[in-house]
Amino acid sequence: YCNVKLLLSIWDYGTDAWGNGTLVT
């Protein structure tokens, strides 16, 4: 899973975004 910690705007305290994942076998 990809994870990105970001600010949605200058007023955002912080957002944690996640992807849906990619399978590695």
mmCIF file of all heavy atoms, coordinates in Angstrom:
data_MODEL
# 
_entry.id   MODEL 
# 
loop_
_atom_site.group_PDB 
_atom_site.id 
_atom_site.type_symbol 
_atom_site.label_atom_id 
_atom_site.label_alt_id 
_atom_site.label_comp_id 
_atom_site.label_asym_id 
_atom_site.label_entity_id 
_atom_site.label_seq_id 
_atom_site.pdbx_PDB_ins_code 
_atom_site.Cartn_x 
_atom_site.Cartn_y 
_atom_site.Cartn_z 
_atom_site.occupancy 
_atom_site.B_iso_or_equiv 
_atom_site.pdbx_formal_charge 
_atom_site.auth_seq_id 
_atom_site.auth_comp_id 
_atom_site.auth_asym_id 
_atom_site.auth_atom_id 
_atom_site.pdbx_PDB_model_num 
ATOM 1   N N   . TYR A 1 1  ? 0.818  -1.199  0.000  1.00 0.00 ? 1  TYR A N   1 
ATOM 2   C CA  . TYR A 1 1  ? 0.000  0.000   0.000  1.00 0.00 ? 1  TYR A CA  1 
ATOM 3   C C   . TYR A 1 1  ? 0.857  1.256   0.000  1.00 0.00 ? 1  TYR A C   1 
ATOM 4   O O   . TYR A 1 1  ? 1.812  1.364   0.768  1.00 0.00 ? 1  TYR A O   1 
ATOM 5   C CB  . TYR A 1 1  ? -0.908 0.038   1.233  1.00 0.00 ? 1  TYR A CB  1 
ATOM 6   C CG  . TYR A 1 1  ? -1.920 -1.078  1.299  1.00 0.00 ? 1  TYR A CG  1 
ATOM 7   C CD1 . TYR A 1 1  ? -1.631 -2.263  1.953  1.00 0.00 ? 1  TYR A CD1 1 
ATOM 8   C CD2 . TYR A 1 1  ? -3.176 -0.931  0.711  1.00 0.00 ? 1  TYR A CD2 1 
ATOM 9   C CE1 . TYR A 1 1  ? -2.557 -3.288  2.022  1.00 0.00 ? 1  TYR A CE1 1 
ATOM 10  C CE2 . TYR A 1 1  ? -4.109 -1.942  0.776  1.00 0.00 ? 1  TYR A CE2 1 
ATOM 11  C CZ  . TYR A 1 1  ? -3.798 -3.125  1.436  1.00 0.00 ? 1  TYR A CZ  1 
ATOM 12  O OH  . TYR A 1 1  ? -4.723 -4.138  1.507  1.00 0.00 ? 1  TYR A OH  1 
ATOM 13  N N   . CYS A 1 2  ? 0.483  2.184   -0.832 1.00 0.00 ? 2  CYS A N   1 
ATOM 14  C CA  . CYS A 1 2  ? 1.117  3.490   -0.844 1.00 0.00 ? 2  CYS A CA  1 
ATOM 15  C C   . CYS A 1 2  ? 0.490  4.369   0.228  1.00 0.00 ? 2  CYS A C   1 
ATOM 16  O O   . CYS A 1 2  ? -0.738 4.361   0.413  1.00 0.00 ? 2  CYS A O   1 
ATOM 17  C CB  . CYS A 1 2  ? 0.945  4.135   -2.221 1.00 0.00 ? 2  CYS A CB  1 
ATOM 18  S SG  . CYS A 1 2  ? 1.626  5.799   -2.372 1.00 0.00 ? 2  CYS A SG  1 
ATOM 19  N N   . ASN A 1 3  ? 1.308  5.100   0.937  1.00 0.00 ? 3  ASN A N   1 
ATOM 20  C CA  . ASN A 1 3  ? 0.843  6.012   1.972  1.00 0.00 ? 3  ASN A CA  1 
ATOM 21  C C   . ASN A 1 3  ? 1.446  7.392   1.742  1.00 0.00 ? 3  ASN A C   1 
ATOM 22  O O   . ASN A 1 3  ? 2.641  7.513   1.506  1.00 0.00 ? 3  ASN A O   1 
ATOM 23  C CB  . ASN A 1 3  ? 1.225  5.498   3.362  1.00 0.00 ? 3  ASN A CB  1 
ATOM 24  C CG  . ASN A 1 3  ? 0.937  6.496   4.461  1.00 0.00 ? 3  ASN A CG  1 
ATOM 25  O OD1 . ASN A 1 3  ? 1.844  7.068   5.062  1.00 0.00 ? 3  ASN A OD1 1 
ATOM 26  N ND2 . ASN A 1 3  ? -0.346 6.713   4.732  1.00 0.00 ? 3  ASN A ND2 1 
ATOM 27  N N   . VAL A 1 4  ? 0.607  8.408   1.809  1.00 0.00 ? 4  VAL A N   1 
ATOM 28  C CA  . VAL A 1 4  ? 1.070  9.781   1.643  1.00 0.00 ? 4  VAL A CA  1 
ATOM 29  C C   . VAL A 1 4  ? 0.519  10.629  2.781  1.00 0.00 ? 4  VAL A C   1 
ATOM 30  O O   . VAL A 1 4  ? -0.684 10.638  3.027  1.00 0.00 ? 4  VAL A O   1 
ATOM 31  C CB  . VAL A 1 4  ? 0.639  10.378  0.294  1.00 0.00 ? 4  VAL A CB  1 
ATOM 32  C CG1 . VAL A 1 4  ? 1.097  11.833  0.197  1.00 0.00 ? 4  VAL A CG1 1 
ATOM 33  C CG2 . VAL A 1 4  ? 1.214  9.575   -0.860 1.00 0.00 ? 4  VAL A CG2 1 
ATOM 34  N N   . LYS A 1 5  ? 1.402  11.310  3.454  1.00 0.00 ? 5  LYS A N   1 
ATOM 35  C CA  . LYS A 1 5  ? 1.019  12.258  4.493  1.00 0.00 ? 5  LYS A CA  1 
ATOM 36  C C   . LYS A 1 5  ? 1.088  13.647  3.885  1.00 0.00 ? 5  LYS A C   1 
ATOM 37  O O   . LYS A 1 5  ? 2.134  14.068  3.394  1.00 0.00 ? 5  LYS A O   1 
ATOM 38  C CB  . LYS A 1 5  ? 1.940  12.134  5.706  1.00 0.00 ? 5  LYS A CB  1 
ATOM 39  C CG  . LYS A 1 5  ? 1.806  10.795  6.412  1.00 0.00 ? 5  LYS A CG  1 
ATOM 40  C CD  . LYS A 1 5  ? 2.804  10.645  7.536  1.00 0.00 ? 5  LYS A CD  1 
ATOM 41  C CE  . LYS A 1 5  ? 2.501  9.414   8.369  1.00 0.00 ? 5  LYS A CE  1 
ATOM 42  N NZ  . LYS A 1 5  ? 2.473  8.174   7.555  1.00 0.00 ? 5  LYS A NZ  1 
ATOM 43  N N   . LEU A 1 6  ? -0.037 14.352  3.907  1.00 0.00 ? 6  LEU A N   1 
ATOM 44  C CA  . LEU A 1 6  ? -0.121 15.604  3.183  1.00 0.00 ? 6  LEU A CA  1 
ATOM 45  C C   . LEU A 1 6  ? -1.038 16.606  3.858  1.00 0.00 ? 6  LEU A C   1 
ATOM 46  O O   . LEU A 1 6  ? -1.740 16.303  4.820  1.00 0.00 ? 6  LEU A O   1 
ATOM 47  C CB  . LEU A 1 6  ? -0.605 15.338  1.747  1.00 0.00 ? 6  LEU A CB  1 
ATOM 48  C CG  . LEU A 1 6  ? -1.867 14.472  1.563  1.00 0.00 ? 6  LEU A CG  1 
ATOM 49  C CD1 . LEU A 1 6  ? -3.131 15.266  1.827  1.00 0.00 ? 6  LEU A CD1 1 
ATOM 50  C CD2 . LEU A 1 6  ? -1.900 13.885  0.161  1.00 0.00 ? 6  LEU A CD2 1 
ATOM 51  N N   . LEU A 1 7  ? -1.005 17.812  3.320  1.00 0.00 ? 7  LEU A N   1 
ATOM 52  C CA  . LEU A 1 7  ? -1.934 18.859  3.695  1.00 0.00 ? 7  LEU A CA  1 
ATOM 53  C C   . LEU A 1 7  ? -2.863 19.097  2.522  1.00 0.00 ? 7  LEU A C   1 
ATOM 54  O O   . LEU A 1 7  ? -2.398 19.381  1.416  1.00 0.00 ? 7  LEU A O   1 
ATOM 55  C CB  . LEU A 1 7  ? -1.202 20.152  4.052  1.00 0.00 ? 7  LEU A CB  1 
ATOM 56  C CG  . LEU A 1 7  ? -0.188 20.092  5.193  1.00 0.00 ? 7  LEU A CG  1 
ATOM 57  C CD1 . LEU A 1 7  ? 0.462  21.455  5.382  1.00 0.00 ? 7  LEU A CD1 1 
ATOM 58  C CD2 . LEU A 1 7  ? -0.852 19.649  6.485  1.00 0.00 ? 7  LEU A CD2 1 
ATOM 59  N N   . LEU A 1 8  ? -4.154 18.973  2.735  1.00 0.00 ? 8  LEU A N   1 
ATOM 60  C CA  . LEU A 1 8  ? -5.114 19.210  1.673  1.00 0.00 ? 8  LEU A CA  1 
ATOM 61  C C   . LEU A 1 8  ? -5.177 20.692  1.312  1.00 0.00 ? 8  LEU A C   1 
ATOM 62  O O   . LEU A 1 8  ? -5.445 21.039  0.168  1.00 0.00 ? 8  LEU A O   1 
ATOM 63  C CB  . LEU A 1 8  ? -6.507 18.711  2.067  1.00 0.00 ? 8  LEU A CB  1 
ATOM 64  C CG  . LEU A 1 8  ? -6.645 17.198  2.247  1.00 0.00 ? 8  LEU A CG  1 
ATOM 65  C CD1 . LEU A 1 8  ? -8.030 16.854  2.766  1.00 0.00 ? 8  LEU A CD1 1 
ATOM 66  C CD2 . LEU A 1 8  ? -6.360 16.480  0.933  1.00 0.00 ? 8  LEU A CD2 1 
ATOM 67  N N   . SER A 1 9  ? -4.939 21.534  2.285  1.00 0.00 ? 9  SER A N   1 
ATOM 68  C CA  . SER A 1 9  ? -4.899 22.973  2.073  1.00 0.00 ? 9  SER A CA  1 
ATOM 69  C C   . SER A 1 9  ? -3.994 23.583  3.118  1.00 0.00 ? 9  SER A C   1 
ATOM 70  O O   . SER A 1 9  ? -3.504 22.884  4.016  1.00 0.00 ? 9  SER A O   1 
ATOM 71  C CB  . SER A 1 9  ? -6.302 23.584  2.161  1.00 0.00 ? 9  SER A CB  1 
ATOM 72  O OG  . SER A 1 9  ? -6.756 23.605  3.500  1.00 0.00 ? 9  SER A OG  1 
ATOM 73  N N   . ILE A 1 10 ? -3.789 24.871  3.027  1.00 0.00 ? 10 ILE A N   1 
ATOM 74  C CA  . ILE A 1 10 ? -2.934 25.559  3.988  1.00 0.00 ? 10 ILE A CA  1 
ATOM 75  C C   . ILE A 1 10 ? -3.537 25.521  5.394  1.00 0.00 ? 10 ILE A C   1 
ATOM 76  O O   . ILE A 1 10 ? -2.821 25.704  6.384  1.00 0.00 ? 10 ILE A O   1 
ATOM 77  C CB  . ILE A 1 10 ? -2.680 27.004  3.535  1.00 0.00 ? 10 ILE A CB  1 
ATOM 78  C CG1 . ILE A 1 10 ? -1.532 27.627  4.335  1.00 0.00 ? 10 ILE A CG1 1 
ATOM 79  C CG2 . ILE A 1 10 ? -3.946 27.847  3.661  1.00 0.00 ? 10 ILE A CG2 1 
ATOM 80  C CD1 . ILE A 1 10 ? -1.075 28.962  3.796  1.00 0.00 ? 10 ILE A CD1 1 
ATOM 81  N N   . TRP A 1 11 ? -4.840 25.239  5.488  1.00 0.00 ? 11 TRP A N   1 
ATOM 82  C CA  . TRP A 1 11 ? -5.518 25.187  6.783  1.00 0.00 ? 11 TRP A CA  1 
ATOM 83  C C   . TRP A 1 11 ? -5.611 23.775  7.357  1.00 0.00 ? 11 TRP A C   1 
ATOM 84  O O   . TRP A 1 11 ? -6.099 23.598  8.471  1.00 0.00 ? 11 TRP A O   1 
ATOM 85  C CB  . TRP A 1 11 ? -6.940 25.763  6.656  1.00 0.00 ? 11 TRP A CB  1 
ATOM 86  C CG  . TRP A 1 11 ? -6.953 27.168  6.153  1.00 0.00 ? 11 TRP A CG  1 
ATOM 87  C CD1 . TRP A 1 11 ? -6.708 28.294  6.868  1.00 0.00 ? 11 TRP A CD1 1 
ATOM 88  C CD2 . TRP A 1 11 ? -7.215 27.593  4.812  1.00 0.00 ? 11 TRP A CD2 1 
ATOM 89  N NE1 . TRP A 1 11 ? -6.801 29.407  6.073  1.00 0.00 ? 11 TRP A NE1 1 
ATOM 90  C CE2 . TRP A 1 11 ? -7.112 29.008  4.794  1.00 0.00 ? 11 TRP A CE2 1 
ATOM 91  C CE3 . TRP A 1 11 ? -7.530 26.924  3.626  1.00 0.00 ? 11 TRP A CE3 1 
ATOM 92  C CZ2 . TRP A 1 11 ? -7.313 29.752  3.638  1.00 0.00 ? 11 TRP A CZ2 1 
ATOM 93  C CZ3 . TRP A 1 11 ? -7.722 27.672  2.464  1.00 0.00 ? 11 TRP A CZ3 1 
ATOM 94  C CH2 . TRP A 1 11 ? -7.613 29.059  2.480  1.00 0.00 ? 11 TRP A CH2 1 
ATOM 95  N N   . ASP A 1 12 ? -5.172 22.780  6.615  1.00 0.00 ? 12 ASP A N   1 
ATOM 96  C CA  . ASP A 1 12 ? -5.265 21.399  7.033  1.00 0.00 ? 12 ASP A CA  1 
ATOM 97  C C   . ASP A 1 12 ? -4.202 21.071  8.081  1.00 0.00 ? 12 ASP A C   1 
ATOM 98  O O   . ASP A 1 12 ? -3.039 21.457  7.934  1.00 0.00 ? 12 ASP A O   1 
ATOM 99  C CB  . ASP A 1 12 ? -5.107 20.479  5.820  1.00 0.00 ? 12 ASP A CB  1 
ATOM 100 C CG  . ASP A 1 12 ? -5.391 19.029  6.117  1.00 0.00 ? 12 ASP A CG  1 
ATOM 101 O OD1 . ASP A 1 12 ? -5.981 18.731  7.185  1.00 0.00 ? 12 ASP A OD1 1 
ATOM 102 O OD2 . ASP A 1 12 ? -5.029 18.181  5.279  1.00 0.00 ? 12 ASP A OD2 1 
ATOM 103 N N   . TYR A 1 13 ? -4.604 20.356  9.132  1.00 0.00 ? 13 TYR A N   1 
ATOM 104 C CA  . TYR A 1 13 ? -3.648 19.914  10.144 1.00 0.00 ? 13 TYR A CA  1 
ATOM 105 C C   . TYR A 1 13 ? -2.832 18.715  9.675  1.00 0.00 ? 13 TYR A C   1 
ATOM 106 O O   . TYR A 1 13 ? -1.741 18.464  10.195 1.00 0.00 ? 13 TYR A O   1 
ATOM 107 C CB  . TYR A 1 13 ? -4.369 19.563  11.451 1.00 0.00 ? 13 TYR A CB  1 
ATOM 108 C CG  . TYR A 1 13 ? -4.742 20.764  12.287 1.00 0.00 ? 13 TYR A CG  1 
ATOM 109 C CD1 . TYR A 1 13 ? -6.047 21.214  12.351 1.00 0.00 ? 13 TYR A CD1 1 
ATOM 110 C CD2 . TYR A 1 13 ? -3.777 21.441  13.021 1.00 0.00 ? 13 TYR A CD2 1 
ATOM 111 C CE1 . TYR A 1 13 ? -6.388 22.318  13.114 1.00 0.00 ? 13 TYR A CE1 1 
ATOM 112 C CE2 . TYR A 1 13 ? -4.107 22.547  13.790 1.00 0.00 ? 13 TYR A CE2 1 
ATOM 113 C CZ  . TYR A 1 13 ? -5.410 22.977  13.831 1.00 0.00 ? 13 TYR A CZ  1 
ATOM 114 O OH  . TYR A 1 13 ? -5.739 24.075  14.605 1.00 0.00 ? 13 TYR A OH  1 
ATOM 115 N N   . GLY A 1 14 ? -3.353 17.976  8.742  1.00 0.00 ? 14 GLY A N   1 
ATOM 116 C CA  . GLY A 1 14 ? -2.662 16.812  8.233  1.00 0.00 ? 14 GLY A CA  1 
ATOM 117 C C   . GLY A 1 14 ? -3.627 15.711  7.844  1.00 0.00 ? 14 GLY A C   1 
ATOM 118 O O   . GLY A 1 14 ? -4.568 15.428  8.578  1.00 0.00 ? 14 GLY A O   1 
ATOM 119 N N   . THR A 1 15 ? -3.371 15.099  6.707  1.00 0.00 ? 15 THR A N   1 
ATOM 120 C CA  . THR A 1 15 ? -4.214 14.032  6.198  1.00 0.00 ? 15 THR A CA  1 
ATOM 121 C C   . THR A 1 15 ? -3.351 12.835  5.829  1.00 0.00 ? 15 THR A C   1 
ATOM 122 O O   . THR A 1 15 ? -2.256 12.998  5.286  1.00 0.00 ? 15 THR A O   1 
ATOM 123 C CB  . THR A 1 15 ? -5.020 14.491  4.973  1.00 0.00 ? 15 THR A CB  1 
ATOM 124 O OG1 . THR A 1 15 ? -5.922 15.536  5.363  1.00 0.00 ? 15 THR A OG1 1 
ATOM 125 C CG2 . THR A 1 15 ? -5.827 13.340  4.378  1.00 0.00 ? 15 THR A CG2 1 
ATOM 126 N N   . ASP A 1 16 ? -3.837 11.659  6.137  1.00 0.00 ? 16 ASP A N   1 
ATOM 127 C CA  . ASP A 1 16 ? -3.158 10.414  5.826  1.00 0.00 ? 16 ASP A CA  1 
ATOM 128 C C   . ASP A 1 16 ? -3.937 9.711   4.717  1.00 0.00 ? 16 ASP A C   1 
ATOM 129 O O   . ASP A 1 16 ? -5.066 9.277   4.938  1.00 0.00 ? 16 ASP A O   1 
ATOM 130 C CB  . ASP A 1 16 ? -3.092 9.535   7.074  1.00 0.00 ? 16 ASP A CB  1 
ATOM 131 C CG  . ASP A 1 16 ? -1.839 8.703   7.152  1.00 0.00 ? 16 ASP A CG  1 
ATOM 132 O OD1 . ASP A 1 16 ? -0.858 9.015   6.459  1.00 0.00 ? 16 ASP A OD1 1 
ATOM 133 O OD2 . ASP A 1 16 ? -1.836 7.734   7.932  1.00 0.00 ? 16 ASP A OD2 1 
ATOM 134 N N   . ALA A 1 17 ? -3.355 9.623   3.543  1.00 0.00 ? 17 ALA A N   1 
ATOM 135 C CA  . ALA A 1 17 ? -4.022 9.023   2.394  1.00 0.00 ? 17 ALA A CA  1 
ATOM 136 C C   . ALA A 1 17 ? -3.432 7.655   2.076  1.00 0.00 ? 17 ALA A C   1 
ATOM 137 O O   . ALA A 1 17 ? -2.222 7.436   2.217  1.00 0.00 ? 17 ALA A O   1 
ATOM 138 C CB  . ALA A 1 17 ? -3.910 9.939   1.178  1.00 0.00 ? 17 ALA A CB  1 
ATOM 139 N N   . TRP A 1 18 ? -4.290 6.755   1.631  1.00 0.00 ? 18 TRP A N   1 
ATOM 140 C CA  . TRP A 1 18 ? -3.883 5.394   1.307  1.00 0.00 ? 18 TRP A CA  1 
ATOM 141 C C   . TRP A 1 18 ? -4.387 4.996   -0.070 1.00 0.00 ? 18 TRP A C   1 
ATOM 142 O O   . TRP A 1 18 ? -5.498 5.346   -0.464 1.00 0.00 ? 18 TRP A O   1 
ATOM 143 C CB  . TRP A 1 18 ? -4.437 4.394   2.327  1.00 0.00 ? 18 TRP A CB  1 
ATOM 144 C CG  . TRP A 1 18 ? -3.858 4.537   3.694  1.00 0.00 ? 18 TRP A CG  1 
ATOM 145 C CD1 . TRP A 1 18 ? -4.308 5.321   4.706  1.00 0.00 ? 18 TRP A CD1 1 
ATOM 146 C CD2 . TRP A 1 18 ? -2.702 3.858   4.205  1.00 0.00 ? 18 TRP A CD2 1 
ATOM 147 N NE1 . TRP A 1 18 ? -3.517 5.192   5.811  1.00 0.00 ? 18 TRP A NE1 1 
ATOM 148 C CE2 . TRP A 1 18 ? -2.516 4.297   5.542  1.00 0.00 ? 18 TRP A CE2 1 
ATOM 149 C CE3 . TRP A 1 18 ? -1.812 2.931   3.665  1.00 0.00 ? 18 TRP A CE3 1 
ATOM 150 C CZ2 . TRP A 1 18 ? -1.480 3.834   6.331  1.00 0.00 ? 18 TRP A CZ2 1 
ATOM 151 C CZ3 . TRP A 1 18 ? -0.774 2.474   4.454  1.00 0.00 ? 18 TRP A CZ3 1 
ATOM 152 C CH2 . TRP A 1 18 ? -0.620 2.920   5.767  1.00 0.00 ? 18 TRP A CH2 1 
ATOM 153 N N   . GLY A 1 19 ? -3.564 4.240   -0.782 1.00 0.00 ? 19 GLY A N   1 
ATOM 154 C CA  . GLY A 1 19 ? -4.003 3.642   -2.020 1.00 0.00 ? 19 GLY A CA  1 
ATOM 155 C C   . GLY A 1 19 ? -4.726 2.346   -1.743 1.00 0.00 ? 19 GLY A C   1 
ATOM 156 O O   . GLY A 1 19 ? -4.833 1.892   -0.598 1.00 0.00 ? 19 GLY A O   1 
ATOM 157 N N   . ASN A 1 20 ? -5.226 1.723   -2.798 1.00 0.00 ? 20 ASN A N   1 
ATOM 158 C CA  . ASN A 1 20 ? -5.964 0.470   -2.656 1.00 0.00 ? 20 ASN A CA  1 
ATOM 159 C C   . ASN A 1 20 ? -5.064 -0.762  -2.633 1.00 0.00 ? 20 ASN A C   1 
ATOM 160 O O   . ASN A 1 20 ? -5.533 -1.862  -2.351 1.00 0.00 ? 20 ASN A O   1 
ATOM 161 C CB  . ASN A 1 20 ? -6.985 0.329   -3.782 1.00 0.00 ? 20 ASN A CB  1 
ATOM 162 C CG  . ASN A 1 20 ? -8.130 1.310   -3.641 1.00 0.00 ? 20 ASN A CG  1 
ATOM 163 O OD1 . ASN A 1 20 ? -8.569 1.603   -2.532 1.00 0.00 ? 20 ASN A OD1 1 
ATOM 164 N ND2 . ASN A 1 20 ? -8.616 1.812   -4.763 1.00 0.00 ? 20 ASN A ND2 1 
ATOM 165 N N   . GLY A 1 21 ? -3.800 -0.566  -2.919 1.00 0.00 ? 21 GLY A N   1 
ATOM 166 C CA  . GLY A 1 21 ? -2.845 -1.648  -2.826 1.00 0.00 ? 21 GLY A CA  1 
ATOM 167 C C   . GLY A 1 21 ? -2.563 -2.333  -4.148 1.00 0.00 ? 21 GLY A C   1 
ATOM 168 O O   . GLY A 1 21 ? -3.378 -2.324  -5.065 1.00 0.00 ? 21 GLY A O   1 
ATOM 169 N N   . THR A 1 22 ? -1.389 -2.929  -4.228 1.00 0.00 ? 22 THR A N   1 
ATOM 170 C CA  . THR A 1 22 ? -1.000 -3.738  -5.372 1.00 0.00 ? 22 THR A CA  1 
ATOM 171 C C   . THR A 1 22 ? -0.373 -5.025  -4.844 1.00 0.00 ? 22 THR A C   1 
ATOM 172 O O   . THR A 1 22 ? 0.439  -5.001  -3.917 1.00 0.00 ? 22 THR A O   1 
ATOM 173 C CB  . THR A 1 22 ? -0.031 -2.976  -6.301 1.00 0.00 ? 22 THR A CB  1 
ATOM 174 O OG1 . THR A 1 22 ? 0.264  -3.765  -7.456 1.00 0.00 ? 22 THR A OG1 1 
ATOM 175 C CG2 . THR A 1 22 ? 1.272  -2.625  -5.591 1.00 0.00 ? 22 THR A CG2 1 
ATOM 176 N N   . LEU A 1 23 ? -0.776 -6.144  -5.402 1.00 0.00 ? 23 LEU A N   1 
ATOM 177 C CA  . LEU A 1 23 ? -0.356 -7.442  -4.894 1.00 0.00 ? 23 LEU A CA  1 
ATOM 178 C C   . LEU A 1 23 ? 0.999  -7.851  -5.452 1.00 0.00 ? 23 LEU A C   1 
ATOM 179 O O   . LEU A 1 23 ? 1.220  -7.825  -6.666 1.00 0.00 ? 23 LEU A O   1 
ATOM 180 C CB  . LEU A 1 23 ? -1.399 -8.509  -5.239 1.00 0.00 ? 23 LEU A CB  1 
ATOM 181 C CG  . LEU A 1 23 ? -1.074 -9.945  -4.827 1.00 0.00 ? 23 LEU A CG  1 
ATOM 182 C CD1 . LEU A 1 23 ? -0.965 -10.063 -3.312 1.00 0.00 ? 23 LEU A CD1 1 
ATOM 183 C CD2 . LEU A 1 23 ? -2.133 -10.902 -5.361 1.00 0.00 ? 23 LEU A CD2 1 
ATOM 184 N N   . VAL A 1 24 ? 1.883  -8.234  -4.550 1.00 0.00 ? 24 VAL A N   1 
ATOM 185 C CA  . VAL A 1 24 ? 3.187  -8.782  -4.910 1.00 0.00 ? 24 VAL A CA  1 
ATOM 186 C C   . VAL A 1 24 ? 3.236  -10.223 -4.433 1.00 0.00 ? 24 VAL A C   1 
ATOM 187 O O   . VAL A 1 24 ? 3.057  -10.495 -3.245 1.00 0.00 ? 24 VAL A O   1 
ATOM 188 C CB  . VAL A 1 24 ? 4.334  -7.977  -4.276 1.00 0.00 ? 24 VAL A CB  1 
ATOM 189 C CG1 . VAL A 1 24 ? 5.676  -8.678  -4.502 1.00 0.00 ? 24 VAL A CG1 1 
ATOM 190 C CG2 . VAL A 1 24 ? 4.363  -6.567  -4.845 1.00 0.00 ? 24 VAL A CG2 1 
ATOM 191 N N   . THR A 1 25 ? 3.462  -11.134 -5.354 1.00 0.00 ? 25 THR A N   1 
ATOM 192 C CA  . THR A 1 25 ? 3.558  -12.545 -5.022 1.00 0.00 ? 25 THR A CA  1 
ATOM 193 C C   . THR A 1 25 ? 4.923  -13.063 -5.428 1.00 0.00 ? 25 THR A C   1 
ATOM 194 O O   . THR A 1 25 ? 5.301  -12.976 -6.598 1.00 0.00 ? 25 THR A O   1 
ATOM 195 C CB  . THR A 1 25 ? 2.462  -13.361 -5.729 1.00 0.00 ? 25 THR A CB  1 
ATOM 196 O OG1 . THR A 1 25 ? 1.176  -12.858 -5.373 1.00 0.00 ? 25 THR A OG1 1 
ATOM 197 C CG2 . THR A 1 25 ? 2.544  -14.821 -5.325 1.00 0.00 ? 25 THR A CG2 1 
# 
